[in-house]
Amino acid sequence: MANAPRPGKGLDVGTANLVCAREDAEGSVGVSSIRNAFLDVPADSFTRSMLSRLKVQCVQREDKLYIVGETAFELANVFNRETRRPMQGGMLSPTEANALPIERLLIERLLGEPAVKGETCVFSVPAEPVDSKMNVAYHQGVVSEMLSKLGYTPLSIVEGHAVVLAELEEKDFTGIGVSCGGGMFNLCVAYKSVPVVCFSTSRGGDWVDQNAATAVGAPASRLCAIKEKGIDLKAPKSNEEEAIAIYYRQLVEYTVNALRLKFESSKDIPTFPEPVDLVLSGGSSQPAGFVELFREQLQKAHFPIPVKDIRLAAEPMNTVAQGCLIAAVTDLGGEPAQAAKAR
């Protein structure tokens, strides 16, 4: 007889994608995701009829229909338009009027109802950025309120710490976790599962897409689609791929320098008894050659902590959600959402 799954869900609240992790009755982890994007179209009868016939997910607000998820991304590329995002730069967008209702809809569709009353849902939040004045508190509070209204008990964890929990169990949860997202890169140094230093930078995959798009005169959504189909950063095959590779190199150099400067200026870095592993995760870590670029830049930067291995997470797109799930069903992480802080 199968055991009942342990209650608890992990939610990666990413700029580009929302990802949910949960256990099944056999203890295996199941993952589901939805593109964190939408597209507005006229709410006339013909458009409504066509979308209904094609079974396209959408919601009406006033005189507009909003197509959500992957379909919005696909249609934006077909019609040479940009998708709209509920989130920008790793947090809820301050300039998108429909950010809150659309994000609430997407999260509700992804999570479903709690398995038990007050089921714990640990969600990811960015650490405080070192290169901007963005404050995480509002974003964190709003997502927490959304989850509470859906019947969950919300707890939060910084993204880099979630990577450590998901990928460094064999190293006693000691090492460096990096979440390479669309809006931000999040980094965490942990010792025995305890986060010592966590911070983020305000550049991510969107920064690459936007700058590469400007360079070649194309919509950012097109450059994103090219990137996601699979490119080799060491051997680009077109002008668009070359632009993506150029800005990826700049992004990695910027991230490594930020990590080095943070280590050099921090008094909280422990003395590790042996070299540590560094794990890269997130959608922006997936292009071929990314790990090699990171390794090369780390060597050039004369990093103050000896690093034994730099590797890609087992499931880069799902790592943060899996770490959040571990925090939800164990006592290794997760803090009351109103009290969690980026250290």
C-alpha atoms as a PDB file:
ATOM      1  CA  MET A   1       0.000   0.000   0.000  1.00  0.00           C
ATOM      2  CA  ALA A   2       1.415   3.358  -1.066  1.00  0.00           C
ATOM      3  CA  ASN A   3       2.202   5.930   1.559  1.00  0.00           C
ATOM      4  CA  ALA A   4       0.474   9.279   1.479  1.00  0.00           C
ATOM      5  CA  PRO A   5       2.717  12.007   0.046  1.00  0.00           C
ATOM      6  CA  ARG A   6       4.140  14.410   2.596  1.00  0.00           C
ATOM      7  CA  PRO A   7       2.205  17.682   2.426  1.00  0.00           C
ATOM      8  CA  GLY A   8       4.188  20.636   1.219  1.00  0.00           C
ATOM      9  CA  LYS A   9       4.956  22.332  -2.080  1.00  0.00           C
ATOM     10  CA  GLY A  10       7.941  24.231  -3.416  1.00  0.00           C
ATOM     11  CA  LEU A  11       7.336  27.218  -5.683  1.00  0.00           C
ATOM     12  CA  ASP A  12       9.991  28.923  -7.771  1.00  0.00           C
ATOM     13  CA  VAL A  13       8.648  32.410  -8.471  1.00  0.00           C
ATOM     14  CA  GLY A  14      10.807  33.181 -11.491  1.00  0.00           C
ATOM     15  CA  THR A  15      10.692  36.113 -13.855  1.00  0.00           C
ATOM     16  CA  ALA A  16      10.412  33.881 -16.920  1.00  0.00           C
ATOM     17  CA  ASN A  17       8.757  30.765 -15.465  1.00  0.00           C
ATOM     18  CA  LEU A  18       6.815  29.628 -12.410  1.00  0.00           C
ATOM     19  CA  VAL A  19       7.778  26.110 -11.284  1.00  0.00           C
ATOM     20  CA  CYS A  20       6.090  23.937  -8.660  1.00  0.00           C
ATOM     21  CA  ALA A  21       7.584  20.819  -7.033  1.00  0.00           C
ATOM     22  CA  ARG A  22       5.624  18.311  -4.927  1.00  0.00           C
ATOM     23  CA  GLU A  23       5.945  14.709  -3.739  1.00  0.00           C
ATOM     24  CA  ASP A  24       3.773  11.852  -4.935  1.00  0.00           C
ATOM     25  CA  ALA A  25       2.655   8.829  -2.916  1.00  0.00           C
ATOM     26  CA  GLU A  26       5.893   6.962  -3.721  1.00  0.00           C
ATOM     27  CA  GLY A  27       8.051   9.840  -2.518  1.00  0.00           C
ATOM     28  CA  SER A  28       9.124  10.854  -6.015  1.00  0.00           C
ATOM     29  CA  VAL A  29       9.257  14.535  -6.846  1.00  0.00           C
ATOM     30  CA  GLY A  30       6.916  15.775  -9.555  1.00  0.00           C
ATOM     31  CA  VAL A  31       7.470  19.137 -11.225  1.00  0.00           C
ATOM     32  CA  SER A  32       5.107  21.328 -13.238  1.00  0.00           C
ATOM     33  CA  SER A  33       5.672  24.761 -14.721  1.00  0.00           C
ATOM     34  CA  ILE A  34       4.005  27.619 -16.540  1.00  0.00           C
ATOM     35  CA  ARG A  35       5.483  30.472 -18.527  1.00  0.00           C
ATOM     36  CA  ASN A  36       5.269  33.680 -16.468  1.00  0.00           C
ATOM     37  CA  ALA A  37       3.961  35.790 -19.320  1.00  0.00           C
ATOM     38  CA  PHE A  38       0.801  37.056 -20.966  1.00  0.00           C
ATOM     39  CA  LEU A  39      -0.361  38.784 -24.131  1.00  0.00           C
ATOM     40  CA  ASP A  40      -3.328  41.113 -24.591  1.00  0.00           C
ATOM     41  CA  VAL A  41      -5.704  40.791 -27.552  1.00  0.00           C
ATOM     42  CA  PRO A  42      -9.047  42.481 -28.356  1.00  0.00           C
ATOM     43  CA  ALA A  43     -12.047  41.035 -26.537  1.00  0.00           C
ATOM     44  CA  ASP A  44     -14.343  41.000 -29.586  1.00  0.00           C
ATOM     45  CA  SER A  45     -16.660  38.079 -30.278  1.00  0.00           C
ATOM     46  CA  PHE A  46     -14.592  36.726 -33.194  1.00  0.00           C
ATOM     47  CA  THR A  47     -11.363  36.625 -31.151  1.00  0.00           C
ATOM     48  CA  ARG A  48     -13.147  35.007 -28.204  1.00  0.00           C
ATOM     49  CA  SER A  49     -14.671  32.383 -30.495  1.00  0.00           C
ATOM     50  CA  MET A  50     -11.353  31.540 -32.135  1.00  0.00           C
ATOM     51  CA  LEU A  51      -9.477  31.298 -28.844  1.00  0.00           C
ATOM     52  CA  SER A  52     -12.202  29.103 -27.381  1.00  0.00           C
ATOM     53  CA  ARG A  53     -12.126  26.807 -30.421  1.00  0.00           C
ATOM     54  CA  LEU A  54      -8.343  26.499 -30.144  1.00  0.00           C
ATOM     55  CA  LYS A  55      -8.631  25.912 -26.367  1.00  0.00           C
ATOM     56  CA  VAL A  56      -6.277  28.796 -25.616  1.00  0.00           C
ATOM     57  CA  GLN A  57      -6.064  29.755 -21.937  1.00  0.00           C
ATOM     58  CA  CYS A  58      -7.100  33.363 -21.445  1.00  0.00           C
ATOM     59  CA  VAL A  59      -8.889  35.667 -19.035  1.00  0.00           C
ATOM     60  CA  GLN A  60     -10.957  38.786 -19.758  1.00  0.00           C
ATOM     61  CA  ARG A  61     -10.485  42.077 -17.943  1.00  0.00           C
ATOM     62  CA  GLU A  62     -12.545  45.032 -19.143  1.00  0.00           C
ATOM     63  CA  ASP A  63     -12.124  45.304 -22.954  1.00  0.00           C
ATOM     64  CA  LYS A  64      -9.105  43.018 -23.270  1.00  0.00           C
ATOM     65  CA  LEU A  65      -8.471  39.291 -23.350  1.00  0.00           C
ATOM     66  CA  TYR A  66      -5.217  38.153 -21.772  1.00  0.00           C
ATOM     67  CA  ILE A  67      -3.615  34.980 -23.102  1.00  0.00           C
ATOM     68  CA  VAL A  68      -1.379  33.458 -20.442  1.00  0.00           C
ATOM     69  CA  GLY A  69       1.478  30.993 -20.240  1.00  0.00           C
ATOM     70  CA  GLU A  70       3.400  29.337 -23.080  1.00  0.00           C
ATOM     71  CA  THR A  71       0.784  30.228 -25.696  1.00  0.00           C
ATOM     72  CA  ALA A  72       1.347  33.919 -25.050  1.00  0.00           C
ATOM     73  CA  PHE A  73       5.068  33.459 -25.736  1.00  0.00           C
ATOM     74  CA  GLU A  74       4.410  31.484 -28.932  1.00  0.00           C
ATOM     75  CA  LEU A  75       1.876  33.975 -30.308  1.00  0.00           C
ATOM     76  CA  ALA A  76       4.167  36.907 -29.529  1.00  0.00           C
ATOM     77  CA  ASN A  77       6.802  35.352 -31.785  1.00  0.00           C
ATOM     78  CA  VAL A  78       4.273  34.638 -34.541  1.00  0.00           C
ATOM     79  CA  PHE A  79       3.038  38.240 -34.558  1.00  0.00           C
ATOM     80  CA  ASN A  80       6.450  39.801 -33.880  1.00  0.00           C
ATOM     81  CA  ARG A  81       5.286  41.267 -30.563  1.00  0.00           C
ATOM     82  CA  GLU A  82       6.768  41.357 -27.101  1.00  0.00           C
ATOM     83  CA  THR A  83       5.084  39.367 -24.334  1.00  0.00           C
ATOM     84  CA  ARG A  84       4.053  41.196 -21.206  1.00  0.00           C
ATOM     85  CA  ARG A  85       5.453  40.041 -17.887  1.00  0.00           C
ATOM     86  CA  PRO A  86       3.912  40.163 -14.406  1.00  0.00           C
ATOM     87  CA  MET A  87       7.503  40.234 -13.131  1.00  0.00           C
ATOM     88  CA  GLN A  88      10.479  42.355 -14.062  1.00  0.00           C
ATOM     89  CA  GLY A  89      14.039  42.048 -12.809  1.00  0.00           C
ATOM     90  CA  GLY A  90      13.205  39.184 -10.449  1.00  0.00           C
ATOM     91  CA  MET A  91      10.271  40.900  -8.727  1.00  0.00           C
ATOM     92  CA  LEU A  92       6.674  41.895  -9.425  1.00  0.00           C
ATOM     93  CA  SER A  93       6.698  44.580 -12.090  1.00  0.00           C
ATOM     94  CA  PRO A  94       6.035  48.104 -10.779  1.00  0.00           C
ATOM     95  CA  THR A  95       5.071  49.300 -14.276  1.00  0.00           C
ATOM     96  CA  GLU A  96       2.669  46.538 -15.331  1.00  0.00           C
ATOM     97  CA  ALA A  97      -0.879  47.457 -14.284  1.00  0.00           C
ATOM     98  CA  ASN A  98      -2.099  43.855 -14.582  1.00  0.00           C
ATOM     99  CA  ALA A  99       0.850  42.265 -12.788  1.00  0.00           C
ATOM    100  CA  LEU A 100      -0.985  41.251  -9.617  1.00  0.00           C
ATOM    101  CA  PRO A 101      -4.173  39.697 -11.045  1.00  0.00           C
ATOM    102  CA  ILE A 102      -2.268  37.843 -13.776  1.00  0.00           C
ATOM    103  CA  GLU A 103       0.370  36.539 -11.359  1.00  0.00           C
ATOM    104  CA  ARG A 104      -2.339  35.420  -8.944  1.00  0.00           C
ATOM    105  CA  LEU A 105      -4.099  33.568 -11.770  1.00  0.00           C
ATOM    106  CA  LEU A 106      -0.908  31.846 -12.919  1.00  0.00           C
ATOM    107  CA  ILE A 107       0.070  30.744  -9.408  1.00  0.00           C
ATOM    108  CA  GLU A 108      -3.431  29.433  -8.709  1.00  0.00           C
ATOM    109  CA  ARG A 109      -3.452  27.388 -11.917  1.00  0.00           C
ATOM    110  CA  LEU A 110      -0.006  25.977 -11.193  1.00  0.00           C
ATOM    111  CA  LEU A 111      -0.445  25.063  -7.516  1.00  0.00           C
ATOM    112  CA  GLY A 112      -4.068  24.024  -7.372  1.00  0.00           C
ATOM    113  CA  GLU A 113      -5.739  23.619  -3.993  1.00  0.00           C
ATOM    114  CA  PRO A 114      -3.759  22.664  -0.857  1.00  0.00           C
ATOM    115  CA  ALA A 115      -3.535  18.925  -0.239  1.00  0.00           C
ATOM    116  CA  VAL A 116      -4.386  19.600   3.409  1.00  0.00           C
ATOM    117  CA  LYS A 117      -5.666  22.679   5.158  1.00  0.00           C
ATOM    118  CA  GLY A 118      -2.850  25.166   5.601  1.00  0.00           C
ATOM    119  CA  GLU A 119      -0.372  23.110   3.553  1.00  0.00           C
ATOM    120  CA  THR A 120       3.099  24.644   3.650  1.00  0.00           C
ATOM    121  CA  CYS A 121       4.285  26.264   0.437  1.00  0.00           C
ATOM    122  CA  VAL A 122       7.878  27.488   0.450  1.00  0.00           C
ATOM    123  CA  PHE A 123       8.438  30.032  -2.314  1.00  0.00           C
ATOM    124  CA  SER A 124      11.622  31.574  -3.634  1.00  0.00           C
ATOM    125  CA  VAL A 125      12.559  35.221  -3.227  1.00  0.00           C
ATOM    126  CA  PRO A 126      15.581  37.099  -4.528  1.00  0.00           C
ATOM    127  CA  ALA A 127      18.335  38.044  -2.134  1.00  0.00           C
ATOM    128  CA  GLU A 128      18.947  41.763  -1.786  1.00  0.00           C
ATOM    129  CA  PRO A 129      20.731  43.013  -4.935  1.00  0.00           C
ATOM    130  CA  VAL A 130      24.232  44.457  -4.644  1.00  0.00           C
ATOM    131  CA  ASP A 131      23.922  46.666  -7.710  1.00  0.00           C
ATOM    132  CA  SER A 132      20.522  48.333  -7.383  1.00  0.00           C
ATOM    133  CA  LYS A 133      18.203  49.851  -4.791  1.00  0.00           C
ATOM    134  CA  MET A 134      15.351  47.395  -5.360  1.00  0.00           C
ATOM    135  CA  ASN A 135      13.721  46.197  -2.153  1.00  0.00           C
ATOM    136  CA  VAL A 136      12.503  42.608  -1.892  1.00  0.00           C
ATOM    137  CA  ALA A 137      10.020  43.195   0.955  1.00  0.00           C
ATOM    138  CA  TYR A 138       7.026  44.296  -1.157  1.00  0.00           C
ATOM    139  CA  HIS A 139       7.385  41.456  -3.671  1.00  0.00           C
ATOM    140  CA  GLN A 140       7.789  38.942  -0.850  1.00  0.00           C
ATOM    141  CA  GLY A 141       4.750  40.241   1.019  1.00  0.00           C
ATOM    142  CA  VAL A 142       2.479  40.233  -2.023  1.00  0.00           C
ATOM    143  CA  VAL A 143       3.368  36.650  -3.023  1.00  0.00           C
ATOM    144  CA  SER A 144       2.885  35.558   0.586  1.00  0.00           C
ATOM    145  CA  GLU A 145      -0.578  37.124   0.620  1.00  0.00           C
ATOM    146  CA  MET A 146      -1.491  35.395  -2.662  1.00  0.00           C
ATOM    147  CA  LEU A 147      -0.551  32.010  -1.213  1.00  0.00           C
ATOM    148  CA  SER A 148      -2.401  32.676   2.044  1.00  0.00           C
ATOM    149  CA  LYS A 149      -5.603  33.477   0.126  1.00  0.00           C
ATOM    150  CA  LEU A 150      -5.227  30.174  -1.738  1.00  0.00           C
ATOM    151  CA  GLY A 151      -5.196  28.349   1.605  1.00  0.00           C
ATOM    152  CA  TYR A 152      -1.450  27.740   1.990  1.00  0.00           C
ATOM    153  CA  THR A 153       0.915  28.550   4.827  1.00  0.00           C
ATOM    154  CA  PRO A 154       3.599  30.573   3.034  1.00  0.00           C
ATOM    155  CA  LEU A 155       7.292  30.425   3.906  1.00  0.00           C
ATOM    156  CA  SER A 156      10.101  31.942   1.875  1.00  0.00           C
ATOM    157  CA  ILE A 157      13.688  31.082   1.041  1.00  0.00           C
ATOM    158  CA  VAL A 158      16.269  32.937  -1.018  1.00  0.00           C
ATOM    159  CA  GLU A 159      16.940  31.353  -4.402  1.00  0.00           C
ATOM    160  CA  GLY A 160      20.617  30.590  -3.983  1.00  0.00           C
ATOM    161  CA  HIS A 161      19.935  28.776  -0.701  1.00  0.00           C
ATOM    162  CA  ALA A 162      17.311  26.645  -2.474  1.00  0.00           C
ATOM    163  CA  VAL A 163      19.988  25.604  -4.993  1.00  0.00           C
ATOM    164  CA  VAL A 164      22.276  24.506  -2.140  1.00  0.00           C
ATOM    165  CA  LEU A 165      19.503  22.415  -0.566  1.00  0.00           C
ATOM    166  CA  ALA A 166      18.637  20.749  -3.873  1.00  0.00           C
ATOM    167  CA  GLU A 167      22.152  20.012  -5.121  1.00  0.00           C
ATOM    168  CA  LEU A 168      24.700  19.829  -2.295  1.00  0.00           C
ATOM    169  CA  GLU A 169      23.347  17.184   0.081  1.00  0.00           C
ATOM    170  CA  GLU A 170      26.369  14.941  -0.561  1.00  0.00           C
ATOM    171  CA  LYS A 171      28.619  17.849   0.424  1.00  0.00           C
ATOM    172  CA  ASP A 172      26.764  18.359   3.724  1.00  0.00           C
ATOM    173  CA  PHE A 173      24.967  21.288   2.114  1.00  0.00           C
ATOM    174  CA  THR A 174      28.234  23.224   1.968  1.00  0.00           C
ATOM    175  CA  GLY A 175      29.230  25.194  -1.099  1.00  0.00           C
ATOM    176  CA  ILE A 176      27.996  27.867  -3.486  1.00  0.00           C
ATOM    177  CA  GLY A 177      24.614  27.808  -5.183  1.00  0.00           C
ATOM    178  CA  VAL A 178      23.891  30.099  -8.139  1.00  0.00           C
ATOM    179  CA  SER A 179      20.423  30.560  -9.620  1.00  0.00           C
ATOM    180  CA  CYS A 180      20.764  32.039 -13.110  1.00  0.00           C
ATOM    181  CA  GLY A 181      17.323  33.453 -13.786  1.00  0.00           C
ATOM    182  CA  GLY A 182      15.709  35.661 -16.369  1.00  0.00           C
ATOM    183  CA  GLY A 183      15.586  38.778 -14.207  1.00  0.00           C
ATOM    184  CA  MET A 184      18.467  38.280 -11.771  1.00  0.00           C
ATOM    185  CA  PHE A 185      21.338  36.022 -10.803  1.00  0.00           C
ATOM    186  CA  ASN A 186      21.099  34.861  -7.162  1.00  0.00           C
ATOM    187  CA  LEU A 187      24.109  33.553  -5.252  1.00  0.00           C
ATOM    188  CA  CYS A 188      24.423  31.867  -1.861  1.00  0.00           C
ATOM    189  CA  VAL A 189      27.413  30.626   0.116  1.00  0.00           C
ATOM    190  CA  ALA A 190      26.332  28.029   2.677  1.00  0.00           C
ATOM    191  CA  TYR A 191      28.092  26.007   5.363  1.00  0.00           C
ATOM    192  CA  LYS A 192      26.346  22.896   6.726  1.00  0.00           C
ATOM    193  CA  SER A 193      23.046  24.126   5.192  1.00  0.00           C
ATOM    194  CA  VAL A 194      23.304  27.524   6.921  1.00  0.00           C
ATOM    195  CA  PRO A 195      23.383  30.432   4.431  1.00  0.00           C
ATOM    196  CA  VAL A 196      26.397  32.616   5.234  1.00  0.00           C
ATOM    197  CA  VAL A 197      26.251  35.153   2.405  1.00  0.00           C
ATOM    198  CA  CYS A 198      23.334  35.621  -0.009  1.00  0.00           C
ATOM    199  CA  PHE A 199      23.015  38.343  -2.626  1.00  0.00           C
ATOM    200  CA  SER A 200      21.773  38.952  -6.151  1.00  0.00           C
ATOM    201  CA  THR A 201      22.725  40.968  -9.198  1.00  0.00           C
ATOM    202  CA  SER A 202      20.237  42.784 -11.384  1.00  0.00           C
ATOM    203  CA  ARG A 203      21.382  41.191 -14.638  1.00  0.00           C
ATOM    204  CA  GLY A 204      20.059  37.899 -15.971  1.00  0.00           C
ATOM    205  CA  GLY A 205      18.816  36.229 -19.124  1.00  0.00           C
ATOM    206  CA  ASP A 206      16.473  39.118 -19.950  1.00  0.00           C
ATOM    207  CA  TRP A 207      19.454  41.478 -19.930  1.00  0.00           C
ATOM    208  CA  VAL A 208      21.119  39.273 -22.555  1.00  0.00           C
ATOM    209  CA  ASP A 209      17.961  39.077 -24.686  1.00  0.00           C
ATOM    210  CA  GLN A 210      17.282  42.816 -24.579  1.00  0.00           C
ATOM    211  CA  ASN A 211      20.829  43.872 -25.427  1.00  0.00           C
ATOM    212  CA  ALA A 212      21.257  41.236 -28.123  1.00  0.00           C
ATOM    213  CA  ALA A 213      17.901  42.242 -29.612  1.00  0.00           C
ATOM    214  CA  THR A 214      18.945  45.895 -29.754  1.00  0.00           C
ATOM    215  CA  ALA A 215      22.209  44.904 -31.436  1.00  0.00           C
ATOM    216  CA  VAL A 216      20.516  42.981 -34.271  1.00  0.00           C
ATOM    217  CA  GLY A 217      17.276  44.976 -34.500  1.00  0.00           C
ATOM    218  CA  ALA A 218      14.823  42.252 -33.483  1.00  0.00           C
ATOM    219  CA  PRO A 219      12.273  41.763 -30.674  1.00  0.00           C
ATOM    220  CA  ALA A 220      13.717  40.408 -27.438  1.00  0.00           C
ATOM    221  CA  SER A 221      11.182  37.550 -27.511  1.00  0.00           C
ATOM    222  CA  ARG A 222      12.729  36.344 -30.783  1.00  0.00           C
ATOM    223  CA  LEU A 223      16.224  36.319 -29.288  1.00  0.00           C
ATOM    224  CA  CYS A 224      14.865  34.481 -26.252  1.00  0.00           C
ATOM    225  CA  ALA A 225      13.270  31.852 -28.512  1.00  0.00           C
ATOM    226  CA  ILE A 226      16.573  31.372 -30.393  1.00  0.00           C
ATOM    227  CA  LYS A 227      18.413  30.974 -27.097  1.00  0.00           C
ATOM    228  CA  GLU A 228      15.897  28.471 -25.737  1.00  0.00           C
ATOM    229  CA  LYS A 229      16.020  26.298 -28.860  1.00  0.00           C
ATOM    230  CA  GLY A 230      19.638  25.623 -27.983  1.00  0.00           C
ATOM    231  CA  ILE A 231      22.840  27.440 -28.884  1.00  0.00           C
ATOM    232  CA  ASP A 232      26.532  26.895 -28.235  1.00  0.00           C
ATOM    233  CA  LEU A 233      28.030  30.015 -26.692  1.00  0.00           C
ATOM    234  CA  LYS A 234      31.455  28.871 -27.854  1.00  0.00           C
ATOM    235  CA  ALA A 235      30.373  28.341 -31.474  1.00  0.00           C
ATOM    236  CA  PRO A 236      27.521  30.693 -32.529  1.00  0.00           C
ATOM    237  CA  LYS A 237      26.071  30.013 -35.984  1.00  0.00           C
ATOM    238  CA  SER A 238      24.290  33.282 -36.864  1.00  0.00           C
ATOM    239  CA  ASN A 239      24.356  37.010 -36.168  1.00  0.00           C
ATOM    240  CA  GLU A 240      21.662  36.550 -33.531  1.00  0.00           C
ATOM    241  CA  GLU A 241      23.574  33.749 -31.790  1.00  0.00           C
ATOM    242  CA  GLU A 242      26.782  35.790 -31.958  1.00  0.00           C
ATOM    243  CA  ALA A 243      25.040  38.712 -30.227  1.00  0.00           C
ATOM    244  CA  ILE A 244      23.678  36.369 -27.558  1.00  0.00           C
ATOM    245  CA  ALA A 245      27.149  34.870 -26.989  1.00  0.00           C
ATOM    246  CA  ILE A 246      28.779  38.299 -26.691  1.00  0.00           C
ATOM    247  CA  TYR A 247      26.349  39.467 -24.022  1.00  0.00           C
ATOM    248  CA  TYR A 248      26.515  36.142 -22.208  1.00  0.00           C
ATOM    249  CA  ARG A 249      30.274  36.597 -21.832  1.00  0.00           C
ATOM    250  CA  GLN A 250      29.695  40.073 -20.409  1.00  0.00           C
ATOM    251  CA  LEU A 251      27.015  38.731 -18.064  1.00  0.00           C
ATOM    252  CA  VAL A 252      29.251  35.958 -16.702  1.00  0.00           C
ATOM    253  CA  GLU A 253      32.179  38.350 -16.225  1.00  0.00           C
ATOM    254  CA  TYR A 254      29.903  40.799 -14.390  1.00  0.00           C
ATOM    255  CA  THR A 255      28.511  38.053 -12.136  1.00  0.00           C
ATOM    256  CA  VAL A 256      31.898  36.581 -11.226  1.00  0.00           C
ATOM    257  CA  ASN A 257      33.321  40.024 -10.427  1.00  0.00           C
ATOM    258  CA  ALA A 258      30.325  40.775  -8.206  1.00  0.00           C
ATOM    259  CA  LEU A 259      30.856  37.454  -6.399  1.00  0.00           C
ATOM    260  CA  ARG A 260      34.573  38.147  -5.922  1.00  0.00           C
ATOM    261  CA  LEU A 261      33.985  41.680  -4.614  1.00  0.00           C
ATOM    262  CA  LYS A 262      31.293  40.455  -2.222  1.00  0.00           C
ATOM    263  CA  PHE A 263      33.650  37.829  -0.822  1.00  0.00           C
ATOM    264  CA  GLU A 264      36.510  40.276  -0.468  1.00  0.00           C
ATOM    265  CA  SER A 265      34.355  42.824   1.377  1.00  0.00           C
ATOM    266  CA  SER A 266      32.476  40.397   3.636  1.00  0.00           C
ATOM    267  CA  LYS A 267      33.608  39.523   7.150  1.00  0.00           C
ATOM    268  CA  ASP A 268      31.239  36.563   7.393  1.00  0.00           C
ATOM    269  CA  ILE A 269      32.900  34.136   4.977  1.00  0.00           C
ATOM    270  CA  PRO A 270      33.961  31.012   6.886  1.00  0.00           C
ATOM    271  CA  THR A 271      37.297  29.305   6.381  1.00  0.00           C
ATOM    272  CA  PHE A 272      36.356  26.189   4.454  1.00  0.00           C
ATOM    273  CA  PRO A 273      38.460  23.143   5.430  1.00  0.00           C
ATOM    274  CA  GLU A 274      38.594  22.009   1.792  1.00  0.00           C
ATOM    275  CA  PRO A 275      37.630  23.330  -1.673  1.00  0.00           C
ATOM    276  CA  VAL A 276      33.890  23.667  -2.250  1.00  0.00           C
ATOM    277  CA  ASP A 277      31.619  22.943  -5.190  1.00  0.00           C
ATOM    278  CA  LEU A 278      29.801  25.657  -7.129  1.00  0.00           C
ATOM    279  CA  VAL A 279      26.490  24.652  -8.733  1.00  0.00           C
ATOM    280  CA  LEU A 280      24.817  26.610 -11.547  1.00  0.00           C
ATOM    281  CA  SER A 281      21.073  26.357 -12.147  1.00  0.00           C
ATOM    282  CA  GLY A 282      18.206  28.201 -13.786  1.00  0.00           C
ATOM    283  CA  GLY A 283      17.071  28.707 -17.352  1.00  0.00           C
ATOM    284  CA  SER A 284      19.912  31.093 -18.168  1.00  0.00           C
ATOM    285  CA  SER A 285      22.498  28.435 -17.279  1.00  0.00           C
ATOM    286  CA  GLN A 286      21.390  25.986 -19.971  1.00  0.00           C
ATOM    287  CA  PRO A 287      23.160  27.107 -23.190  1.00  0.00           C
ATOM    288  CA  ALA A 288      26.086  24.896 -24.145  1.00  0.00           C
ATOM    289  CA  GLY A 289      29.359  26.456 -23.071  1.00  0.00           C
ATOM    290  CA  PHE A 290      27.916  28.370 -20.120  1.00  0.00           C
ATOM    291  CA  VAL A 291      29.701  26.303 -17.461  1.00  0.00           C
ATOM    292  CA  GLU A 292      32.994  26.669 -19.338  1.00  0.00           C
ATOM    293  CA  LEU A 293      32.538  30.453 -19.534  1.00  0.00           C
ATOM    294  CA  PHE A 294      31.884  30.584 -15.803  1.00  0.00           C
ATOM    295  CA  ARG A 295      34.926  28.434 -15.048  1.00  0.00           C
ATOM    296  CA  GLU A 296      37.181  30.603 -17.228  1.00  0.00           C
ATOM    297  CA  GLN A 297      36.008  33.836 -15.620  1.00  0.00           C
ATOM    298  CA  LEU A 298      36.386  32.418 -12.115  1.00  0.00           C
ATOM    299  CA  GLN A 299      39.991  31.499 -12.860  1.00  0.00           C
ATOM    300  CA  LYS A 300      40.722  34.971 -14.261  1.00  0.00           C
ATOM    301  CA  ALA A 301      39.195  36.646 -11.203  1.00  0.00           C
ATOM    302  CA  HIS A 302      41.611  34.929  -8.763  1.00  0.00           C
ATOM    303  CA  PHE A 303      38.686  33.870  -6.611  1.00  0.00           C
ATOM    304  CA  PRO A 304      39.540  34.027  -2.877  1.00  0.00           C
ATOM    305  CA  ILE A 305      37.876  30.691  -2.010  1.00  0.00           C
ATOM    306  CA  PRO A 306      39.217  27.449  -3.508  1.00  0.00           C
ATOM    307  CA  VAL A 307      36.563  25.877  -5.748  1.00  0.00           C
ATOM    308  CA  LYS A 308      36.815  22.149  -6.416  1.00  0.00           C
ATOM    309  CA  ASP A 309      34.173  21.729  -9.079  1.00  0.00           C
ATOM    310  CA  ILE A 310      31.884  23.962 -11.139  1.00  0.00           C
ATOM    311  CA  ARG A 311      28.935  22.064 -12.546  1.00  0.00           C
ATOM    312  CA  LEU A 312      25.428  22.376 -13.869  1.00  0.00           C
ATOM    313  CA  ALA A 313      22.536  21.250 -11.681  1.00  0.00           C
ATOM    314  CA  ALA A 314      20.886  17.947 -12.550  1.00  0.00           C
ATOM    315  CA  GLU A 315      17.651  19.692 -13.621  1.00  0.00           C
ATOM    316  CA  PRO A 316      18.537  23.385 -14.036  1.00  0.00           C
ATOM    317  CA  MET A 317      14.982  24.604 -14.673  1.00  0.00           C
ATOM    318  CA  ASN A 318      13.601  22.776 -11.624  1.00  0.00           C
ATOM    319  CA  THR A 319      16.409  23.160  -9.079  1.00  0.00           C
ATOM    320  CA  VAL A 320      15.022  26.122  -7.128  1.00  0.00           C
ATOM    321  CA  ALA A 321      11.535  24.587  -6.872  1.00  0.00           C
ATOM    322  CA  GLN A 322      13.072  21.302  -5.682  1.00  0.00           C
ATOM    323  CA  GLY A 323      15.086  23.150  -3.032  1.00  0.00           C
ATOM    324  CA  CYS A 324      11.937  24.950  -1.921  1.00  0.00           C
ATOM    325  CA  LEU A 325      10.179  21.577  -1.624  1.00  0.00           C
ATOM    326  CA  ILE A 326      13.007  20.209   0.543  1.00  0.00           C
ATOM    327  CA  ALA A 327      12.572  23.225   2.798  1.00  0.00           C
ATOM    328  CA  ALA A 328       8.805  22.633   2.908  1.00  0.00           C
ATOM    329  CA  VAL A 329       8.944  18.992   4.006  1.00  0.00           C
ATOM    330  CA  THR A 330      12.035  19.125   6.263  1.00  0.00           C
ATOM    331  CA  ASP A 331      13.571  21.516   8.757  1.00  0.00           C
ATOM    332  CA  LEU A 332      16.495  22.499   6.499  1.00  0.00           C
ATOM    333  CA  GLY A 333      15.132  25.877   5.466  1.00  0.00           C
ATOM    334  CA  GLY A 334      12.153  28.139   4.967  1.00  0.00           C
ATOM    335  CA  GLU A 335      11.226  31.093   7.115  1.00  0.00           C
ATOM    336  CA  PRO A 336       7.927  32.826   7.837  1.00  0.00           C
ATOM    337  CA  ALA A 337       7.457  34.971   4.771  1.00  0.00           C
ATOM    338  CA  GLN A 338       7.044  38.156   6.734  1.00  0.00           C
ATOM    339  CA  ALA A 339      10.296  37.607   8.599  1.00  0.00           C
ATOM    340  CA  ALA A 340      12.636  36.124   6.000  1.00  0.00           C
ATOM    341  CA  LYS A 341      15.635  38.245   5.175  1.00  0.00           C
ATOM    342  CA  ALA A 342      18.434  38.013   2.626  1.00  0.00           C
ATOM    343  CA  ARG A 343      21.534  37.737   4.706  1.00  0.00           C
END
